[in-house]
Amino acid sequence: MHNVKPISDPTLPVEQVTVMFESQYNDEMEAEVMRLEAQKRASDVGHPEWENACRVCGCRINGTRVATCTKCAEGS
């Protein structure tokens, strides 16, 4: 088991809790920006119901972590 104290642990220094919170917040905001960018790409190619679309060819992509499909990323 990991020896991780919960954020609500009163023995943690305030600075450590602040850093933990900021890190989690930044990760969540980065994920949200990626999701919104992916959604915009899909909408821009005429498919607002899709989660994501390739920025090069406009095909559907599952997930929001990448901006190009495998085919376009390989340069084919």
N, C-alpha and C. Protein backbone atom coordinates (compact mmCIF):
# COMPACT_ATOMS: atom_id res chain seq x y z
N MET A 1 0.84 -1.19 0.00
CA MET A 1 0.00 0.00 0.00
C MET A 1 0.88 1.25 0.00
N HIS A 2 0.36 2.27 -0.62
CA HIS A 2 1.07 3.54 -0.63
C HIS A 2 0.81 4.26 0.68
N ASN A 3 1.78 4.98 1.14
CA ASN A 3 1.64 5.74 2.37
C ASN A 3 1.25 7.17 2.02
N VAL A 4 0.01 7.33 1.52
CA VAL A 4 -0.49 8.63 1.11
C VAL A 4 -1.54 9.09 2.10
N LYS A 5 -1.35 10.30 2.60
CA LYS A 5 -2.31 10.86 3.54
C LYS A 5 -3.42 11.56 2.76
N PRO A 6 -4.65 11.47 3.23
CA PRO A 6 -5.72 12.20 2.56
C PRO A 6 -5.50 13.70 2.68
N ILE A 7 -6.01 14.45 1.71
CA ILE A 7 -5.85 15.90 1.73
C ILE A 7 -6.42 16.51 2.99
N SER A 8 -7.46 15.89 3.55
CA SER A 8 -8.08 16.44 4.75
C SER A 8 -7.28 16.15 6.02
N ASP A 9 -6.16 15.45 5.88
CA ASP A 9 -5.31 15.10 7.03
C ASP A 9 -4.77 16.39 7.66
N PRO A 10 -5.10 16.68 8.91
CA PRO A 10 -4.67 17.94 9.54
C PRO A 10 -3.17 18.02 9.79
N THR A 11 -2.45 16.89 9.64
CA THR A 11 -1.01 16.94 9.87
C THR A 11 -0.23 17.36 8.62
N LEU A 12 -0.89 17.45 7.47
CA LEU A 12 -0.21 17.89 6.26
C LEU A 12 0.00 19.40 6.30
N PRO A 13 1.18 19.86 5.90
CA PRO A 13 1.40 21.31 5.84
C PRO A 13 0.49 21.94 4.79
N VAL A 14 0.05 23.15 5.05
CA VAL A 14 -0.85 23.86 4.14
C VAL A 14 -0.23 23.97 2.75
N GLU A 15 1.07 24.20 2.69
CA GLU A 15 1.75 24.34 1.40
C GLU A 15 1.63 23.06 0.57
N GLN A 16 1.76 21.91 1.23
CA GLN A 16 1.68 20.64 0.52
C GLN A 16 0.25 20.41 0.01
N VAL A 17 -0.73 20.73 0.81
CA VAL A 17 -2.12 20.59 0.39
C VAL A 17 -2.41 21.51 -0.79
N THR A 18 -1.88 22.73 -0.73
CA THR A 18 -2.08 23.69 -1.81
C THR A 18 -1.48 23.18 -3.11
N VAL A 19 -0.28 22.64 -3.05
CA VAL A 19 0.38 22.10 -4.24
C VAL A 19 -0.40 20.92 -4.79
N MET A 20 -0.89 20.06 -3.92
CA MET A 20 -1.67 18.90 -4.35
C MET A 20 -2.95 19.36 -5.03
N PHE A 21 -3.62 20.34 -4.45
CA PHE A 21 -4.86 20.86 -5.03
C PHE A 21 -4.59 21.51 -6.38
N GLU A 22 -3.54 22.34 -6.47
CA GLU A 22 -3.21 23.02 -7.72
C GLU A 22 -2.88 22.03 -8.81
N SER A 23 -2.14 20.99 -8.47
CA SER A 23 -1.78 19.97 -9.44
C SER A 23 -3.02 19.26 -9.98
N GLN A 24 -3.91 18.88 -9.09
CA GLN A 24 -5.15 18.21 -9.50
C GLN A 24 -6.00 19.16 -10.35
N TYR A 25 -6.10 20.40 -9.94
CA TYR A 25 -6.88 21.39 -10.68
C TYR A 25 -6.30 21.58 -12.08
N ASN A 26 -4.98 21.72 -12.18
CA ASN A 26 -4.34 21.89 -13.48
C ASN A 26 -4.59 20.69 -14.39
N ASP A 27 -4.48 19.49 -13.85
CA ASP A 27 -4.75 18.28 -14.63
C ASP A 27 -6.18 18.26 -15.15
N GLU A 28 -7.12 18.63 -14.30
CA GLU A 28 -8.53 18.65 -14.70
C GLU A 28 -8.80 19.71 -15.75
N MET A 29 -8.20 20.88 -15.60
CA MET A 29 -8.39 21.94 -16.59
C MET A 29 -7.76 21.58 -17.93
N GLU A 30 -6.60 20.96 -17.91
CA GLU A 30 -5.94 20.52 -19.14
C GLU A 30 -6.81 19.49 -19.86
N ALA A 31 -7.38 18.56 -19.13
CA ALA A 31 -8.27 17.56 -19.72
C ALA A 31 -9.51 18.22 -20.31
N GLU A 32 -10.04 19.21 -19.63
CA GLU A 32 -11.23 19.91 -20.13
C GLU A 32 -10.92 20.69 -21.40
N VAL A 33 -9.76 21.34 -21.46
CA VAL A 33 -9.35 22.06 -22.67
C VAL A 33 -9.21 21.08 -23.83
N MET A 34 -8.59 19.93 -23.59
CA MET A 34 -8.45 18.92 -24.64
C MET A 34 -9.82 18.44 -25.13
N ARG A 35 -10.74 18.25 -24.20
CA ARG A 35 -12.09 17.80 -24.57
C ARG A 35 -12.80 18.84 -25.42
N LEU A 36 -12.70 20.11 -25.03
CA LEU A 36 -13.35 21.18 -25.78
C LEU A 36 -12.73 21.35 -27.17
N GLU A 37 -11.41 21.24 -27.26
CA GLU A 37 -10.74 21.33 -28.57
C GLU A 37 -11.18 20.18 -29.47
N ALA A 38 -11.26 18.97 -28.92
CA ALA A 38 -11.70 17.81 -29.69
C ALA A 38 -13.14 17.99 -30.16
N GLN A 39 -13.99 18.47 -29.28
CA GLN A 39 -15.39 18.70 -29.62
C GLN A 39 -15.52 19.75 -30.72
N LYS A 40 -14.69 20.78 -30.67
CA LYS A 40 -14.71 21.82 -31.70
C LYS A 40 -14.27 21.26 -33.05
N ARG A 41 -13.23 20.41 -33.05
CA ARG A 41 -12.80 19.79 -34.31
C ARG A 41 -13.93 18.99 -34.94
N ALA A 42 -14.63 18.23 -34.11
CA ALA A 42 -15.74 17.42 -34.61
C ALA A 42 -16.85 18.31 -35.16
N SER A 43 -17.16 19.37 -34.45
CA SER A 43 -18.19 20.29 -34.89
C SER A 43 -17.79 20.99 -36.19
N ASP A 44 -16.52 21.36 -36.29
CA ASP A 44 -16.02 22.05 -37.48
C ASP A 44 -16.14 21.21 -38.75
N VAL A 45 -16.09 19.88 -38.63
CA VAL A 45 -16.23 19.02 -39.81
C VAL A 45 -17.68 18.58 -40.00
N GLY A 46 -18.59 19.18 -39.25
CA GLY A 46 -20.01 18.92 -39.44
C GLY A 46 -20.60 17.80 -38.61
N HIS A 47 -19.90 17.38 -37.57
CA HIS A 47 -20.40 16.31 -36.72
C HIS A 47 -20.32 16.69 -35.23
N PRO A 48 -21.19 17.60 -34.80
CA PRO A 48 -21.14 18.01 -33.39
C PRO A 48 -21.48 16.88 -32.42
N GLU A 49 -22.08 15.80 -32.92
CA GLU A 49 -22.41 14.67 -32.05
C GLU A 49 -21.20 13.78 -31.77
N TRP A 50 -20.14 13.94 -32.56
CA TRP A 50 -18.91 13.15 -32.33
C TRP A 50 -18.14 13.72 -31.15
N GLU A 51 -17.32 12.86 -30.57
CA GLU A 51 -16.45 13.28 -29.47
C GLU A 51 -15.21 14.01 -29.98
N ASN A 52 -14.71 13.60 -31.17
CA ASN A 52 -13.46 14.13 -31.70
C ASN A 52 -13.40 13.85 -33.19
N ALA A 53 -12.60 14.63 -33.90
CA ALA A 53 -12.37 14.42 -35.33
C ALA A 53 -10.92 14.77 -35.65
N CYS A 54 -10.39 14.09 -36.66
CA CYS A 54 -9.01 14.33 -37.10
C CYS A 54 -8.90 15.75 -37.66
N ARG A 55 -7.88 16.46 -37.26
CA ARG A 55 -7.71 17.84 -37.73
C ARG A 55 -7.24 17.87 -39.18
N VAL A 56 -6.73 16.75 -39.71
CA VAL A 56 -6.23 16.70 -41.08
C VAL A 56 -7.32 16.24 -42.05
N CYS A 57 -7.86 15.04 -41.83
CA CYS A 57 -8.82 14.47 -42.78
C CYS A 57 -10.27 14.55 -42.33
N GLY A 58 -10.52 14.85 -41.05
CA GLY A 58 -11.87 15.00 -40.56
C GLY A 58 -12.59 13.72 -40.19
N CYS A 59 -11.86 12.59 -40.17
CA CYS A 59 -12.51 11.34 -39.79
C CYS A 59 -12.76 11.31 -38.28
N ARG A 60 -13.65 10.42 -37.87
CA ARG A 60 -14.01 10.32 -36.45
C ARG A 60 -12.87 9.67 -35.66
N ILE A 61 -12.59 10.23 -34.47
CA ILE A 61 -11.58 9.69 -33.56
C ILE A 61 -12.26 9.43 -32.22
N ASN A 62 -12.02 8.26 -31.67
CA ASN A 62 -12.52 7.96 -30.33
C ASN A 62 -11.55 8.52 -29.30
N GLY A 63 -12.06 9.17 -28.29
CA GLY A 63 -11.21 9.77 -27.26
C GLY A 63 -10.87 11.20 -27.62
N THR A 64 -10.26 11.89 -26.67
CA THR A 64 -9.96 13.32 -26.87
C THR A 64 -8.49 13.65 -26.71
N ARG A 65 -7.65 12.66 -26.56
CA ARG A 65 -6.23 12.92 -26.29
C ARG A 65 -5.41 13.21 -27.53
N VAL A 66 -5.90 12.85 -28.71
CA VAL A 66 -5.14 13.08 -29.94
C VAL A 66 -5.92 13.97 -30.89
N ALA A 67 -5.19 14.68 -31.76
CA ALA A 67 -5.83 15.58 -32.70
C ALA A 67 -5.81 15.05 -34.14
N THR A 68 -5.04 13.99 -34.37
CA THR A 68 -4.99 13.39 -35.70
C THR A 68 -5.19 11.88 -35.61
N CYS A 69 -5.79 11.33 -36.64
CA CYS A 69 -6.00 9.88 -36.67
C CYS A 69 -4.67 9.18 -36.94
N THR A 70 -4.63 7.88 -36.76
CA THR A 70 -3.41 7.11 -36.95
C THR A 70 -2.90 7.23 -38.37
N LYS A 71 -3.81 7.19 -39.33
CA LYS A 71 -3.43 7.27 -40.74
C LYS A 71 -2.72 8.60 -41.05
N CYS A 72 -3.30 9.70 -40.60
CA CYS A 72 -2.69 11.02 -40.86
C CYS A 72 -1.42 11.23 -40.03
N ALA A 73 -1.38 10.68 -38.84
CA ALA A 73 -0.19 10.82 -38.00
C ALA A 73 1.01 10.12 -38.63
N GLU A 74 0.75 9.01 -39.36
CA GLU A 74 1.83 8.28 -40.03
C GLU A 74 2.22 8.94 -41.34
N GLY A 75 1.43 9.91 -41.80
CA GLY A 75 1.74 10.61 -43.02
C GLY A 75 1.27 9.91 -44.28
N SER A 76 0.37 8.95 -44.15
CA SER A 76 -0.13 8.21 -45.32
C SER A 76 -1.14 9.01 -46.08
